[in-house]
Amino acid sequence: MRVSVCVLLVLGVVALQSGRATSALPSPSPELPPVDEVLSRVIQRDEETSKALGEYRYSETVRLEKLDDEGKVVGSTELEVLCDPKEGIVLLSEPKEQGEDPPDTDESKRKATKESEKIKAAISLRELIPHFRIQLLGTDEWKGQPAYALGFEPKRNEPHQNWLQKVLYNLRGVSLVSMRDYSVLDTRASLTQPVELAWILAQMKQLDCHYEAQPIGPWYGPARLEIEYRLSYVVGGSRRRQILTMHDFVPRQQAQAVPSALPPGVSPPPAPPPLAPVPESVSR
């Protein structure tokens, strides 16, 4: 179960975002800008956003669901955590469990959440993009905002160093990227083929994920990530759905001014530098 939580949290940051998945990439429109130019701006914006949001703390609702073969929820656990880039993760409430055979123990959920945050911080779009074949499919709209639609699929036989890369390098989907500032806004992605996880003697047979962004000050950051997956073991298997909802983003400078709002044991941090302005709109 620890593996699944790590996969859940990491994919929200590293996957390109979209509103639909594809079985094959169609031909791009000849009137669009070069895809390399768009990707360069996406990478730059991703790095600027990651740095800026590092000066925010936020709450995260984690819901873990155990599903039967028909997709019905038979057990669930929900917990609330405070994520702070400087102070780490603080559990805000005791896990709420429903149904039979909850997905995991309290201690392993806490540990998995902390480990996944470390992994998430170490992965960037700059590192991931070279491992995919990416096409600029056209333009679309996301909540009234014009966006580029980027289709991505794995390159063949990409080398990997760990189980996480092995899973990520087998995803295919479509992402929506803001035409205004090149922020990643929305993604749907699916596993293209079963992936062997030899170290736990399991096979990931299915993985579908959907990521959505939200405005946070002048930036776009994570709002919601949903992942459903199937694991097959030597004997038996499991099906899970996990949902992350990120909310209540507060600049650390503001949190410092209201120390009573912090959970016990979390000290007010020093004030961050001012956020960089949003780049001017790019006209095509």
C-alpha atoms as a PDB file:
ATOM      1  CA  MET A   1       0.000   0.000   0.000  1.00  0.00           C
ATOM      2  CA  ARG A   2       2.912   2.331   0.655  1.00  0.00           C
ATOM      3  CA  VAL A   3       3.863   2.091  -3.026  1.00  0.00           C
ATOM      4  CA  SER A   4       0.417   3.185  -4.153  1.00  0.00           C
ATOM      5  CA  VAL A   5       0.365   6.311  -1.994  1.00  0.00           C
ATOM      6  CA  CYS A   6       3.778   7.351  -3.328  1.00  0.00           C
ATOM      7  CA  VAL A   7       2.618   6.891  -6.919  1.00  0.00           C
ATOM      8  CA  LEU A   8      -0.496   8.945  -6.192  1.00  0.00           C
ATOM      9  CA  LEU A   9       1.285  11.989  -4.811  1.00  0.00           C
ATOM     10  CA  VAL A  10       4.102  12.006  -7.336  1.00  0.00           C
ATOM     11  CA  LEU A  11       1.957  11.830 -10.469  1.00  0.00           C
ATOM     12  CA  GLY A  12       0.141  15.030  -9.613  1.00  0.00           C
ATOM     13  CA  VAL A  13       3.295  17.033 -10.161  1.00  0.00           C
ATOM     14  CA  VAL A  14       5.205  15.181 -12.833  1.00  0.00           C
ATOM     15  CA  ALA A  15       2.523  14.275 -15.391  1.00  0.00           C
ATOM     16  CA  LEU A  16       1.512  16.671 -18.160  1.00  0.00           C
ATOM     17  CA  GLN A  17      -2.122  17.630 -17.662  1.00  0.00           C
ATOM     18  CA  SER A  18      -5.201  17.218 -19.866  1.00  0.00           C
ATOM     19  CA  GLY A  19      -8.896  16.604 -20.186  1.00  0.00           C
ATOM     20  CA  ARG A  20      -8.791  13.338 -22.145  1.00  0.00           C
ATOM     21  CA  ALA A  21      -6.585  10.312 -22.789  1.00  0.00           C
ATOM     22  CA  THR A  22      -5.667   8.997 -26.220  1.00  0.00           C
ATOM     23  CA  SER A  23      -5.065   5.581 -27.728  1.00  0.00           C
ATOM     24  CA  ALA A  24      -2.868   7.079 -30.478  1.00  0.00           C
ATOM     25  CA  LEU A  25      -1.591  10.572 -31.204  1.00  0.00           C
ATOM     26  CA  PRO A  26      -3.293  12.282 -34.170  1.00  0.00           C
ATOM     27  CA  SER A  27      -1.419  14.537 -36.581  1.00  0.00           C
ATOM     28  CA  PRO A  28      -0.766  18.056 -35.222  1.00  0.00           C
ATOM     29  CA  SER A  29      -2.155  21.188 -36.881  1.00  0.00           C
ATOM     30  CA  PRO A  30       0.362  22.882 -39.236  1.00  0.00           C
ATOM     31  CA  GLU A  31      -0.570  26.370 -37.893  1.00  0.00           C
ATOM     32  CA  LEU A  32       0.579  25.707 -34.335  1.00  0.00           C
ATOM     33  CA  PRO A  33       3.903  26.909 -32.885  1.00  0.00           C
ATOM     34  CA  PRO A  34       6.771  24.402 -32.704  1.00  0.00           C
ATOM     35  CA  VAL A  35       6.220  21.888 -29.927  1.00  0.00           C
ATOM     36  CA  ASP A  36       9.787  22.374 -28.666  1.00  0.00           C
ATOM     37  CA  GLU A  37       9.069  26.055 -28.083  1.00  0.00           C
ATOM     38  CA  VAL A  38       5.919  25.262 -26.106  1.00  0.00           C
ATOM     39  CA  LEU A  39       7.689  22.592 -24.049  1.00  0.00           C
ATOM     40  CA  SER A  40      10.550  24.965 -23.254  1.00  0.00           C
ATOM     41  CA  ARG A  41       8.084  27.512 -21.889  1.00  0.00           C
ATOM     42  CA  VAL A  42       6.184  24.808 -19.978  1.00  0.00           C
ATOM     43  CA  ILE A  43       9.397  23.660 -18.282  1.00  0.00           C
ATOM     44  CA  GLN A  44      10.370  27.229 -17.406  1.00  0.00           C
ATOM     45  CA  ARG A  45       6.929  27.961 -15.960  1.00  0.00           C
ATOM     46  CA  ASP A  46       6.923  24.698 -14.012  1.00  0.00           C
ATOM     47  CA  GLU A  47      10.234  25.574 -12.363  1.00  0.00           C
ATOM     48  CA  GLU A  48       9.108  29.131 -11.560  1.00  0.00           C
ATOM     49  CA  THR A  49       5.857  27.832 -10.093  1.00  0.00           C
ATOM     50  CA  SER A  50       7.571  25.155  -8.003  1.00  0.00           C
ATOM     51  CA  LYS A  51       9.882  27.778  -6.511  1.00  0.00           C
ATOM     52  CA  ALA A  52       7.032  30.205  -5.802  1.00  0.00           C
ATOM     53  CA  LEU A  53       4.721  27.593  -4.258  1.00  0.00           C
ATOM     54  CA  GLY A  54       7.595  26.505  -2.049  1.00  0.00           C
ATOM     55  CA  GLU A  55       6.721  29.603  -0.025  1.00  0.00           C
ATOM     56  CA  TYR A  56       3.165  28.382   0.620  1.00  0.00           C
ATOM     57  CA  ARG A  57       1.801  25.915   3.128  1.00  0.00           C
ATOM     58  CA  TYR A  58      -1.439  24.100   2.411  1.00  0.00           C
ATOM     59  CA  SER A  59      -3.812  21.398   3.601  1.00  0.00           C
ATOM     60  CA  GLU A  60      -4.239  18.104   1.789  1.00  0.00           C
ATOM     61  CA  THR A  61      -7.152  15.695   2.109  1.00  0.00           C
ATOM     62  CA  VAL A  62      -6.091  12.133   1.288  1.00  0.00           C
ATOM     63  CA  ARG A  63      -8.809   9.573   0.592  1.00  0.00           C
ATOM     64  CA  LEU A  64      -7.828   5.928   0.063  1.00  0.00           C
ATOM     65  CA  GLU A  65     -10.509   3.566  -1.247  1.00  0.00           C
ATOM     66  CA  LYS A  66     -10.509  -0.205  -1.529  1.00  0.00           C
ATOM     67  CA  LEU A  67     -12.614  -1.413  -4.481  1.00  0.00           C
ATOM     68  CA  ASP A  68     -14.108  -4.760  -5.377  1.00  0.00           C
ATOM     69  CA  ASP A  69     -13.851  -6.285  -8.861  1.00  0.00           C
ATOM     70  CA  GLU A  70     -16.831  -4.232 -10.057  1.00  0.00           C
ATOM     71  CA  GLY A  71     -15.398  -0.925  -8.819  1.00  0.00           C
ATOM     72  CA  LYS A  72     -17.618  -0.639  -5.743  1.00  0.00           C
ATOM     73  CA  VAL A  73     -16.064   0.939  -2.638  1.00  0.00           C
ATOM     74  CA  VAL A  74     -15.833  -1.657   0.143  1.00  0.00           C
ATOM     75  CA  GLY A  75     -13.486   0.201   2.492  1.00  0.00           C
ATOM     76  CA  SER A  76     -12.036   3.690   2.795  1.00  0.00           C
ATOM     77  CA  THR A  77      -9.725   5.826   4.883  1.00  0.00           C
ATOM     78  CA  GLU A  78      -9.539   9.619   4.898  1.00  0.00           C
ATOM     79  CA  LEU A  79      -6.974  11.814   6.589  1.00  0.00           C
ATOM     80  CA  GLU A  80      -6.031  15.490   6.614  1.00  0.00           C
ATOM     81  CA  VAL A  81      -2.438  16.698   6.581  1.00  0.00           C
ATOM     82  CA  LEU A  82      -0.694  20.070   6.586  1.00  0.00           C
ATOM     83  CA  CYS A  83       2.099  20.302   4.005  1.00  0.00           C
ATOM     84  CA  ASP A  84       4.847  22.830   4.612  1.00  0.00           C
ATOM     85  CA  PRO A  85       7.934  22.926   2.363  1.00  0.00           C
ATOM     86  CA  LYS A  86      10.143  23.985   5.266  1.00  0.00           C
ATOM     87  CA  GLU A  87       8.568  22.147   8.214  1.00  0.00           C
ATOM     88  CA  GLY A  88       7.459  18.928   6.495  1.00  0.00           C
ATOM     89  CA  ILE A  89       4.097  17.198   6.974  1.00  0.00           C
ATOM     90  CA  VAL A  90       1.863  17.406  10.029  1.00  0.00           C
ATOM     91  CA  LEU A  91      -1.144  15.108  10.512  1.00  0.00           C
ATOM     92  CA  LEU A  92      -4.095  17.403  11.278  1.00  0.00           C
ATOM     93  CA  SER A  93      -6.656  14.736  12.177  1.00  0.00           C
ATOM     94  CA  GLU A  94      -6.856  11.057  12.953  1.00  0.00           C
ATOM     95  CA  PRO A  95      -7.712   8.882   9.934  1.00  0.00           C
ATOM     96  CA  LYS A  96     -11.440   8.269   9.408  1.00  0.00           C
ATOM     97  CA  GLU A  97     -12.118   4.703   8.327  1.00  0.00           C
ATOM     98  CA  GLN A  98     -15.270   3.172   6.861  1.00  0.00           C
ATOM     99  CA  GLY A  99     -16.234  -0.264   5.627  1.00  0.00           C
ATOM    100  CA  GLU A 100     -14.482  -3.577   6.049  1.00  0.00           C
ATOM    101  CA  ASP A 101     -10.736  -4.105   5.834  1.00  0.00           C
ATOM    102  CA  PRO A 102      -9.481  -0.481   5.550  1.00  0.00           C
ATOM    103  CA  PRO A 103      -6.737  -0.036   2.943  1.00  0.00           C
ATOM    104  CA  ASP A 104      -3.821   0.426   5.341  1.00  0.00           C
ATOM    105  CA  THR A 105      -2.613   1.072   8.885  1.00  0.00           C
ATOM    106  CA  ASP A 106      -2.286   4.565  10.335  1.00  0.00           C
ATOM    107  CA  GLU A 107       1.487   4.383  10.734  1.00  0.00           C
ATOM    108  CA  SER A 108       2.167   3.182   7.185  1.00  0.00           C
ATOM    109  CA  LYS A 109      -0.071   5.927   5.748  1.00  0.00           C
ATOM    110  CA  ARG A 110       1.829   8.587   7.685  1.00  0.00           C
ATOM    111  CA  LYS A 111       5.181   7.175   6.601  1.00  0.00           C
ATOM    112  CA  ALA A 112       4.114   6.755   2.971  1.00  0.00           C
ATOM    113  CA  THR A 113       2.862  10.340   2.813  1.00  0.00           C
ATOM    114  CA  LYS A 114       6.174  11.692   4.106  1.00  0.00           C
ATOM    115  CA  GLU A 115       8.209   9.529   1.740  1.00  0.00           C
ATOM    116  CA  SER A 116       6.092  10.507  -1.253  1.00  0.00           C
ATOM    117  CA  GLU A 117       6.627  14.200  -0.554  1.00  0.00           C
ATOM    118  CA  LYS A 118      10.391  13.630  -0.715  1.00  0.00           C
ATOM    119  CA  ILE A 119      10.047  11.817  -4.041  1.00  0.00           C
ATOM    120  CA  LYS A 120       7.709  14.471  -5.428  1.00  0.00           C
ATOM    121  CA  ALA A 121      10.178  17.241  -4.624  1.00  0.00           C
ATOM    122  CA  ALA A 122      12.964  15.441  -6.500  1.00  0.00           C
ATOM    123  CA  ILE A 123      11.151  15.025  -9.854  1.00  0.00           C
ATOM    124  CA  SER A 124      10.550  17.734 -12.431  1.00  0.00           C
ATOM    125  CA  LEU A 125       9.097  18.077 -15.916  1.00  0.00           C
ATOM    126  CA  ARG A 126      12.584  18.908 -17.178  1.00  0.00           C
ATOM    127  CA  GLU A 127      13.673  15.389 -16.204  1.00  0.00           C
ATOM    128  CA  LEU A 128      10.539  13.618 -17.443  1.00  0.00           C
ATOM    129  CA  ILE A 129       9.785  15.219 -20.817  1.00  0.00           C
ATOM    130  CA  PRO A 130      12.756  13.681 -22.705  1.00  0.00           C
ATOM    131  CA  HIS A 131      11.352  10.200 -22.009  1.00  0.00           C
ATOM    132  CA  PHE A 132       8.121  10.833 -23.967  1.00  0.00           C
ATOM    133  CA  ARG A 133       7.103  11.450 -27.548  1.00  0.00           C
ATOM    134  CA  ILE A 134       5.065  14.661 -27.379  1.00  0.00           C
ATOM    135  CA  GLN A 135       2.954  16.378 -30.025  1.00  0.00           C
ATOM    136  CA  LEU A 136       1.089  19.670 -30.007  1.00  0.00           C
ATOM    137  CA  LEU A 137      -2.348  18.493 -31.119  1.00  0.00           C
ATOM    138  CA  GLY A 138      -4.193  21.803 -31.264  1.00  0.00           C
ATOM    139  CA  THR A 139      -5.963  24.303 -29.041  1.00  0.00           C
ATOM    140  CA  ASP A 140      -8.670  23.728 -26.469  1.00  0.00           C
ATOM    141  CA  GLU A 141     -10.330  25.509 -23.562  1.00  0.00           C
ATOM    142  CA  TRP A 142     -10.054  24.922 -19.816  1.00  0.00           C
ATOM    143  CA  LYS A 143     -12.631  26.703 -17.649  1.00  0.00           C
ATOM    144  CA  GLY A 144     -12.854  29.565 -20.121  1.00  0.00           C
ATOM    145  CA  GLN A 145      -9.092  29.856 -20.609  1.00  0.00           C
ATOM    146  CA  PRO A 146      -7.488  29.090 -24.001  1.00  0.00           C
ATOM    147  CA  ALA A 147      -5.054  26.210 -23.824  1.00  0.00           C
ATOM    148  CA  TYR A 148      -2.733  24.104 -25.929  1.00  0.00           C
ATOM    149  CA  ALA A 149      -3.473  20.372 -26.076  1.00  0.00           C
ATOM    150  CA  LEU A 150      -0.307  18.265 -25.761  1.00  0.00           C
ATOM    151  CA  GLY A 151      -0.453  14.557 -26.510  1.00  0.00           C
ATOM    152  CA  PHE A 152       2.224  12.381 -24.961  1.00  0.00           C
ATOM    153  CA  GLU A 153       3.114   8.707 -25.177  1.00  0.00           C
ATOM    154  CA  PRO A 154       6.129   6.692 -23.993  1.00  0.00           C
ATOM    155  CA  LYS A 155       9.225   6.163 -26.081  1.00  0.00           C
ATOM    156  CA  ARG A 156      10.220   2.544 -26.583  1.00  0.00           C
ATOM    157  CA  ASN A 157      12.590   0.794 -24.194  1.00  0.00           C
ATOM    158  CA  GLU A 158      13.385   3.823 -22.035  1.00  0.00           C
ATOM    159  CA  PRO A 159      15.921   2.911 -19.312  1.00  0.00           C
ATOM    160  CA  HIS A 160      14.718   3.296 -15.738  1.00  0.00           C
ATOM    161  CA  GLN A 161      16.432   3.333 -12.356  1.00  0.00           C
ATOM    162  CA  ASN A 162      13.511   2.475 -10.052  1.00  0.00           C
ATOM    163  CA  TRP A 163       9.907   1.282  -9.951  1.00  0.00           C
ATOM    164  CA  LEU A 164       8.520   4.813 -10.105  1.00  0.00           C
ATOM    165  CA  GLN A 165      10.290   5.658 -13.361  1.00  0.00           C
ATOM    166  CA  LYS A 166       9.239   2.310 -14.787  1.00  0.00           C
ATOM    167  CA  VAL A 167       5.581   3.188 -14.180  1.00  0.00           C
ATOM    168  CA  LEU A 168       5.828   6.814 -15.301  1.00  0.00           C
ATOM    169  CA  TYR A 169       7.616   5.956 -18.549  1.00  0.00           C
ATOM    170  CA  ASN A 170       4.646   3.800 -19.593  1.00  0.00           C
ATOM    171  CA  LEU A 171       1.949   6.494 -19.382  1.00  0.00           C
ATOM    172  CA  ARG A 172       0.023   7.928 -22.326  1.00  0.00           C
ATOM    173  CA  GLY A 173      -2.381  10.855 -22.274  1.00  0.00           C
ATOM    174  CA  VAL A 174      -3.232  14.432 -23.194  1.00  0.00           C
ATOM    175  CA  SER A 175      -2.463  17.619 -21.265  1.00  0.00           C
ATOM    176  CA  LEU A 176      -3.901  21.111 -21.392  1.00  0.00           C
ATOM    177  CA  VAL A 177      -1.390  23.954 -21.011  1.00  0.00           C
ATOM    178  CA  SER A 178      -2.350  27.604 -20.586  1.00  0.00           C
ATOM    179  CA  MET A 179      -1.748  29.725 -23.685  1.00  0.00           C
ATOM    180  CA  ARG A 180      -1.416  32.732 -21.367  1.00  0.00           C
ATOM    181  CA  ASP A 181       1.462  31.635 -19.134  1.00  0.00           C
ATOM    182  CA  TYR A 182       2.160  27.965 -20.071  1.00  0.00           C
ATOM    183  CA  SER A 183       1.017  26.520 -16.743  1.00  0.00           C
ATOM    184  CA  VAL A 184      -0.083  22.878 -16.781  1.00  0.00           C
ATOM    185  CA  LEU A 185      -3.834  22.976 -16.123  1.00  0.00           C
ATOM    186  CA  ASP A 186      -5.327  19.511 -16.520  1.00  0.00           C
ATOM    187  CA  THR A 187      -4.235  15.936 -17.393  1.00  0.00           C
ATOM    188  CA  ARG A 188      -5.637  12.499 -18.032  1.00  0.00           C
ATOM    189  CA  ALA A 189      -3.192   9.630 -18.451  1.00  0.00           C
ATOM    190  CA  SER A 190      -3.330   5.843 -18.557  1.00  0.00           C
ATOM    191  CA  LEU A 191      -0.875   2.979 -18.425  1.00  0.00           C
ATOM    192  CA  THR A 192      -0.125   1.667 -21.920  1.00  0.00           C
ATOM    193  CA  GLN A 193       0.776  -1.856 -20.786  1.00  0.00           C
ATOM    194  CA  PRO A 194       1.115  -3.894 -17.568  1.00  0.00           C
ATOM    195  CA  VAL A 195       4.276  -3.083 -15.610  1.00  0.00           C
ATOM    196  CA  GLU A 196       6.161  -5.694 -13.601  1.00  0.00           C
ATOM    197  CA  LEU A 197       7.114  -4.649 -10.067  1.00  0.00           C
ATOM    198  CA  ALA A 198       9.489  -7.508  -9.369  1.00  0.00           C
ATOM    199  CA  TRP A 199      10.658  -6.320  -5.971  1.00  0.00           C
ATOM    200  CA  ILE A 200       7.167  -6.843  -4.501  1.00  0.00           C
ATOM    201  CA  LEU A 201       6.319  -9.756  -6.839  1.00  0.00           C
ATOM    202  CA  ALA A 202       3.431  -7.835  -8.365  1.00  0.00           C
ATOM    203  CA  GLN A 203       2.239  -6.535 -11.711  1.00  0.00           C
ATOM    204  CA  MET A 204       0.502  -3.177 -12.161  1.00  0.00           C
ATOM    205  CA  LYS A 205      -2.168  -4.131 -14.686  1.00  0.00           C
ATOM    206  CA  GLN A 206      -4.023  -0.811 -14.852  1.00  0.00           C
ATOM    207  CA  LEU A 207      -3.443   2.791 -13.835  1.00  0.00           C
ATOM    208  CA  ASP A 208      -5.657   5.748 -14.778  1.00  0.00           C
ATOM    209  CA  CYS A 209      -5.102   9.224 -13.382  1.00  0.00           C
ATOM    210  CA  HIS A 210      -6.676  12.666 -13.673  1.00  0.00           C
ATOM    211  CA  TYR A 211      -5.039  15.882 -12.451  1.00  0.00           C
ATOM    212  CA  GLU A 212      -6.612  19.343 -12.160  1.00  0.00           C
ATOM    213  CA  ALA A 213      -4.966  22.657 -11.294  1.00  0.00           C
ATOM    214  CA  GLN A 214      -6.266  25.720  -9.479  1.00  0.00           C
ATOM    215  CA  PRO A 215      -5.191  29.387  -9.275  1.00  0.00           C
ATOM    216  CA  ILE A 216      -2.991  30.087  -6.250  1.00  0.00           C
ATOM    217  CA  GLY A 217      -2.149  33.767  -6.122  1.00  0.00           C
ATOM    218  CA  PRO A 218      -0.669  34.578  -9.559  1.00  0.00           C
ATOM    219  CA  TRP A 219       0.219  30.912 -10.153  1.00  0.00           C
ATOM    220  CA  TYR A 220      -1.490  27.617 -10.959  1.00  0.00           C
ATOM    221  CA  GLY A 221      -0.896  24.753  -8.556  1.00  0.00           C
ATOM    222  CA  PRO A 222      -2.415  21.346  -7.785  1.00  0.00           C
ATOM    223  CA  ALA A 223      -6.103  21.140  -6.891  1.00  0.00           C
ATOM    224  CA  ARG A 224      -7.121  17.503  -7.282  1.00  0.00           C
ATOM    225  CA  LEU A 225      -5.566  14.216  -8.314  1.00  0.00           C
ATOM    226  CA  GLU A 226      -7.484  10.956  -8.724  1.00  0.00           C
ATOM    227  CA  ILE A 227      -5.831   7.625  -9.476  1.00  0.00           C
ATOM    228  CA  GLU A 228      -7.359   4.186  -9.902  1.00  0.00           C
ATOM    229  CA  TYR A 229      -5.145   1.130 -10.336  1.00  0.00           C
ATOM    230  CA  ARG A 230      -5.054  -2.659 -10.235  1.00  0.00           C
ATOM    231  CA  LEU A 231      -2.248  -4.795  -8.847  1.00  0.00           C
ATOM    232  CA  SER A 232      -1.894  -8.503  -9.543  1.00  0.00           C
ATOM    233  CA  TYR A 233       0.129 -10.678  -7.157  1.00  0.00           C
ATOM    234  CA  VAL A 234       1.305 -14.277  -7.391  1.00  0.00           C
ATOM    235  CA  VAL A 235      -1.866 -15.120  -5.497  1.00  0.00           C
ATOM    236  CA  GLY A 236      -4.767 -12.704  -5.817  1.00  0.00           C
ATOM    237  CA  GLY A 237      -4.810  -9.007  -6.548  1.00  0.00           C
ATOM    238  CA  SER A 238      -6.140  -5.632  -5.435  1.00  0.00           C
ATOM    239  CA  ARG A 239      -7.961  -2.645  -6.868  1.00  0.00           C
ATOM    240  CA  ARG A 240      -7.661   0.814  -5.319  1.00  0.00           C
ATOM    241  CA  ARG A 241      -8.715   4.392  -5.925  1.00  0.00           C
ATOM    242  CA  GLN A 242      -6.969   7.308  -4.265  1.00  0.00           C
ATOM    243  CA  ILE A 243      -8.018  10.946  -4.293  1.00  0.00           C
ATOM    244  CA  LEU A 244      -5.930  13.925  -3.212  1.00  0.00           C
ATOM    245  CA  THR A 245      -7.512  17.339  -2.729  1.00  0.00           C
ATOM    246  CA  MET A 246      -5.206  20.287  -2.058  1.00  0.00           C
ATOM    247  CA  HIS A 247      -6.724  23.395  -0.466  1.00  0.00           C
ATOM    248  CA  ASP A 248      -6.194  26.383   1.833  1.00  0.00           C
ATOM    249  CA  PHE A 249      -2.913  27.542   0.301  1.00  0.00           C
ATOM    250  CA  VAL A 250      -1.481  30.276   2.535  1.00  0.00           C
ATOM    251  CA  PRO A 251       1.773  32.207   1.993  1.00  0.00           C
ATOM    252  CA  ARG A 252       4.177  31.321   4.772  1.00  0.00           C
ATOM    253  CA  GLN A 253       4.604  35.036   5.485  1.00  0.00           C
ATOM    254  CA  GLN A 254       0.874  35.300   6.206  1.00  0.00           C
ATOM    255  CA  ALA A 255       0.935  32.126   8.306  1.00  0.00           C
ATOM    256  CA  GLN A 256       3.743  33.682  10.352  1.00  0.00           C
ATOM    257  CA  ALA A 257       1.540  36.688  11.087  1.00  0.00           C
ATOM    258  CA  VAL A 258      -1.174  34.391  12.499  1.00  0.00           C
ATOM    259  CA  PRO A 259       0.721  31.801  14.577  1.00  0.00           C
ATOM    260  CA  SER A 260      -2.463  30.653  16.325  1.00  0.00           C
ATOM    261  CA  ALA A 261      -3.582  29.073  13.036  1.00  0.00           C
ATOM    262  CA  LEU A 262      -0.658  26.655  13.044  1.00  0.00           C
ATOM    263  CA  PRO A 263      -0.998  23.149  14.490  1.00  0.00           C
ATOM    264  CA  PRO A 264       0.812  22.457  17.781  1.00  0.00           C
ATOM    265  CA  GLY A 265       4.514  21.875  17.275  1.00  0.00           C
ATOM    266  CA  VAL A 266       4.825  23.880  14.035  1.00  0.00           C
ATOM    267  CA  SER A 267       6.844  27.075  14.532  1.00  0.00           C
ATOM    268  CA  PRO A 268       6.232  30.165  12.373  1.00  0.00           C
ATOM    269  CA  PRO A 269       8.867  30.251   9.580  1.00  0.00           C
ATOM    270  CA  PRO A 270      10.761  33.317   8.335  1.00  0.00           C
ATOM    271  CA  ALA A 271       9.099  35.516   5.735  1.00  0.00           C
ATOM    272  CA  PRO A 272       9.719  34.508   2.091  1.00  0.00           C
ATOM    273  CA  PRO A 273      10.908  36.839  -0.670  1.00  0.00           C
ATOM    274  CA  PRO A 274       8.162  38.432  -2.801  1.00  0.00           C
ATOM    275  CA  LEU A 275       6.696  36.324  -5.594  1.00  0.00           C
ATOM    276  CA  ALA A 276       7.830  36.983  -9.149  1.00  0.00           C
ATOM    277  CA  PRO A 277       5.208  38.645 -11.391  1.00  0.00           C
ATOM    278  CA  VAL A 278       3.230  36.610 -13.903  1.00  0.00           C
ATOM    279  CA  PRO A 279       4.859  36.809 -17.357  1.00  0.00           C
ATOM    280  CA  GLU A 280       3.048  38.941 -19.919  1.00  0.00           C
ATOM    281  CA  SER A 281       0.606  37.176 -22.214  1.00  0.00           C
ATOM    282  CA  VAL A 282       2.205  35.637 -25.265  1.00  0.00           C
ATOM    283  CA  SER A 283       0.415  36.599 -28.469  1.00  0.00           C
ATOM    284  CA  ARG A 284       0.515  34.258 -31.412  1.00  0.00           C
END
